[in-house]
Amino acid sequence: MKNNKMCVLVALMLIFSVPATALPNEKSNKKPVTTETNSAVLIERLEDIKAVDKHSITTTEKKELRKEVKSIKKQLKKNGGGVYLSAGAVILIVLLLIILL
């Protein structure tokens, strides 16, 4: 009887905790929609910089171009996003796959 009560208690806790964590965060919804277009513009600018004849420009202009390339690459990394898995999550997934299969 105690086992049944414990199982019901755990099930209720899980049911009520999942919707609270599944709510969207208001700050995450403020991400700009124009990420793809912004990325396309940045990539086009990188291609323009690569096409510049670097022998005909001065050293200060070269430094400015290097700084611009670095900042563009940082922005592209930030916009790229992606899914990152920690080592613990990978181990847990592998263990679950081994147990279930």
C-alpha atoms as a PDB file:
ATOM      1  CA  MET A   1       0.000   0.000   0.000  1.00  0.00           C
ATOM      2  CA  LYS A   2       2.876   2.358   0.806  1.00  0.00           C
ATOM      3  CA  ASN A   3       4.445   1.603  -2.589  1.00  0.00           C
ATOM      4  CA  ASN A   4       1.254   2.622  -4.383  1.00  0.00           C
ATOM      5  CA  LYS A   5       1.017   5.870  -2.430  1.00  0.00           C
ATOM      6  CA  MET A   6       4.650   6.657  -3.199  1.00  0.00           C
ATOM      7  CA  CYS A   7       4.154   5.958  -6.912  1.00  0.00           C
ATOM      8  CA  VAL A   8       1.066   8.171  -7.018  1.00  0.00           C
ATOM      9  CA  LEU A   9       2.921  10.937  -5.176  1.00  0.00           C
ATOM     10  CA  VAL A  10       5.877  10.782  -7.565  1.00  0.00           C
ATOM     11  CA  ALA A  11       3.548  10.731 -10.590  1.00  0.00           C
ATOM     12  CA  LEU A  12       1.669  13.795  -9.321  1.00  0.00           C
ATOM     13  CA  MET A  13       4.916  15.645  -8.686  1.00  0.00           C
ATOM     14  CA  LEU A  14       6.087  14.896 -12.215  1.00  0.00           C
ATOM     15  CA  ILE A  15       2.778  15.933 -13.752  1.00  0.00           C
ATOM     16  CA  PHE A  16       2.771  19.287 -11.987  1.00  0.00           C
ATOM     17  CA  SER A  17       6.465  20.040 -12.439  1.00  0.00           C
ATOM     18  CA  VAL A  18       6.667  19.484 -16.226  1.00  0.00           C
ATOM     19  CA  PRO A  19       4.267  22.288 -17.265  1.00  0.00           C
ATOM     20  CA  ALA A  20       6.106  24.775 -15.062  1.00  0.00           C
ATOM     21  CA  THR A  21       9.425  24.042 -16.768  1.00  0.00           C
ATOM     22  CA  ALA A  22       7.860  23.901 -20.226  1.00  0.00           C
ATOM     23  CA  LEU A  23       6.640  27.495 -20.109  1.00  0.00           C
ATOM     24  CA  PRO A  24       8.417  29.690 -22.660  1.00  0.00           C
ATOM     25  CA  ASN A  25      10.806  32.221 -21.288  1.00  0.00           C
ATOM     26  CA  GLU A  26       9.807  35.778 -22.240  1.00  0.00           C
ATOM     27  CA  LYS A  27      13.442  36.812 -22.716  1.00  0.00           C
ATOM     28  CA  SER A  28      14.080  34.011 -25.224  1.00  0.00           C
ATOM     29  CA  ASN A  29      11.130  35.153 -27.367  1.00  0.00           C
ATOM     30  CA  LYS A  30      12.773  38.530 -27.958  1.00  0.00           C
ATOM     31  CA  LYS A  31      15.343  37.013 -30.317  1.00  0.00           C
ATOM     32  CA  PRO A  32      15.315  38.886 -33.623  1.00  0.00           C
ATOM     33  CA  VAL A  33      13.586  37.144 -36.494  1.00  0.00           C
ATOM     34  CA  THR A  34      16.013  38.483 -39.103  1.00  0.00           C
ATOM     35  CA  THR A  35      18.874  36.224 -38.033  1.00  0.00           C
ATOM     36  CA  GLU A  36      19.087  34.464 -41.409  1.00  0.00           C
ATOM     37  CA  THR A  37      19.116  37.697 -43.389  1.00  0.00           C
ATOM     38  CA  ASN A  38      21.617  39.251 -41.004  1.00  0.00           C
ATOM     39  CA  SER A  39      23.858  36.200 -41.339  1.00  0.00           C
ATOM     40  CA  ALA A  40      23.615  36.353 -45.133  1.00  0.00           C
ATOM     41  CA  VAL A  41      24.673  40.005 -45.083  1.00  0.00           C
ATOM     42  CA  LEU A  42      27.608  39.217 -42.794  1.00  0.00           C
ATOM     43  CA  ILE A  43      28.751  36.332 -44.986  1.00  0.00           C
ATOM     44  CA  GLU A  44      28.520  38.548 -48.052  1.00  0.00           C
ATOM     45  CA  ARG A  45      30.651  41.171 -46.304  1.00  0.00           C
ATOM     46  CA  LEU A  46      33.271  38.514 -45.466  1.00  0.00           C
ATOM     47  CA  GLU A  47      33.400  37.519 -49.116  1.00  0.00           C
ATOM     48  CA  ASP A  48      33.866  41.173 -50.100  1.00  0.00           C
ATOM     49  CA  ILE A  49      36.747  41.511 -47.651  1.00  0.00           C
ATOM     50  CA  LYS A  50      38.378  38.361 -49.040  1.00  0.00           C
ATOM     51  CA  ALA A  51      38.100  39.787 -52.561  1.00  0.00           C
ATOM     52  CA  VAL A  52      39.965  42.982 -51.625  1.00  0.00           C
ATOM     53  CA  ASP A  53      43.494  43.288 -53.015  1.00  0.00           C
ATOM     54  CA  LYS A  54      45.489  43.415 -49.803  1.00  0.00           C
ATOM     55  CA  HIS A  55      48.695  44.581 -51.475  1.00  0.00           C
ATOM     56  CA  SER A  56      47.174  47.903 -52.469  1.00  0.00           C
ATOM     57  CA  ILE A  57      45.891  48.966 -49.029  1.00  0.00           C
ATOM     58  CA  THR A  58      47.762  50.451 -46.094  1.00  0.00           C
ATOM     59  CA  THR A  59      48.602  48.664 -42.840  1.00  0.00           C
ATOM     60  CA  THR A  60      46.020  50.615 -40.848  1.00  0.00           C
ATOM     61  CA  GLU A  61      43.318  49.578 -43.302  1.00  0.00           C
ATOM     62  CA  LYS A  62      44.496  45.970 -43.007  1.00  0.00           C
ATOM     63  CA  LYS A  63      44.188  46.178 -39.216  1.00  0.00           C
ATOM     64  CA  GLU A  64      40.683  47.594 -39.520  1.00  0.00           C
ATOM     65  CA  LEU A  65      39.713  44.791 -41.886  1.00  0.00           C
ATOM     66  CA  ARG A  66      41.107  42.181 -39.469  1.00  0.00           C
ATOM     67  CA  LYS A  67      39.102  43.683 -36.601  1.00  0.00           C
ATOM     68  CA  GLU A  68      35.985  43.710 -38.765  1.00  0.00           C
ATOM     69  CA  VAL A  69      36.482  40.070 -39.773  1.00  0.00           C
ATOM     70  CA  LYS A  70      36.916  39.052 -36.130  1.00  0.00           C
ATOM     71  CA  SER A  71      33.750  40.878 -35.070  1.00  0.00           C
ATOM     72  CA  ILE A  72      31.766  39.396 -37.960  1.00  0.00           C
ATOM     73  CA  LYS A  73      32.916  35.879 -37.058  1.00  0.00           C
ATOM     74  CA  LYS A  74      31.906  36.449 -33.420  1.00  0.00           C
ATOM     75  CA  GLN A  75      28.460  37.605 -34.530  1.00  0.00           C
ATOM     76  CA  LEU A  76      28.063  34.594 -36.809  1.00  0.00           C
ATOM     77  CA  LYS A  77      28.999  32.236 -33.965  1.00  0.00           C
ATOM     78  CA  LYS A  78      26.518  33.961 -31.680  1.00  0.00           C
ATOM     79  CA  ASN A  79      23.745  33.785 -34.287  1.00  0.00           C
ATOM     80  CA  GLY A  80      24.587  30.213 -35.255  1.00  0.00           C
ATOM     81  CA  GLY A  81      23.241  28.710 -32.042  1.00  0.00           C
ATOM     82  CA  GLY A  82      23.255  24.935 -32.185  1.00  0.00           C
ATOM     83  CA  VAL A  83      22.618  22.130 -29.761  1.00  0.00           C
ATOM     84  CA  TYR A  84      25.316  21.426 -27.219  1.00  0.00           C
ATOM     85  CA  LEU A  85      25.344  18.253 -25.140  1.00  0.00           C
ATOM     86  CA  SER A  86      27.381  17.836 -22.016  1.00  0.00           C
ATOM     87  CA  ALA A  87      29.388  14.695 -21.340  1.00  0.00           C
ATOM     88  CA  GLY A  88      26.949  13.671 -18.610  1.00  0.00           C
ATOM     89  CA  ALA A  89      24.003  13.975 -20.967  1.00  0.00           C
ATOM     90  CA  VAL A  90      25.734  11.866 -23.601  1.00  0.00           C
ATOM     91  CA  ILE A  91      26.554   9.156 -21.044  1.00  0.00           C
ATOM     92  CA  LEU A  92      22.958   9.191 -19.795  1.00  0.00           C
ATOM     93  CA  ILE A  93      21.578   8.857 -23.324  1.00  0.00           C
ATOM     94  CA  VAL A  94      23.930   5.990 -24.105  1.00  0.00           C
ATOM     95  CA  LEU A  95      22.978   4.187 -20.886  1.00  0.00           C
ATOM     96  CA  LEU A  96      19.279   4.625 -21.608  1.00  0.00           C
ATOM     97  CA  LEU A  97      19.741   3.279 -25.127  1.00  0.00           C
ATOM     98  CA  ILE A  98      21.623   0.259 -23.804  1.00  0.00           C
ATOM     99  CA  ILE A  99      18.963  -0.446 -21.189  1.00  0.00           C
ATOM    100  CA  LEU A 100      16.010   0.032 -23.542  1.00  0.00           C
ATOM    101  CA  LEU A 101      17.478  -1.850 -26.481  1.00  0.00           C
END
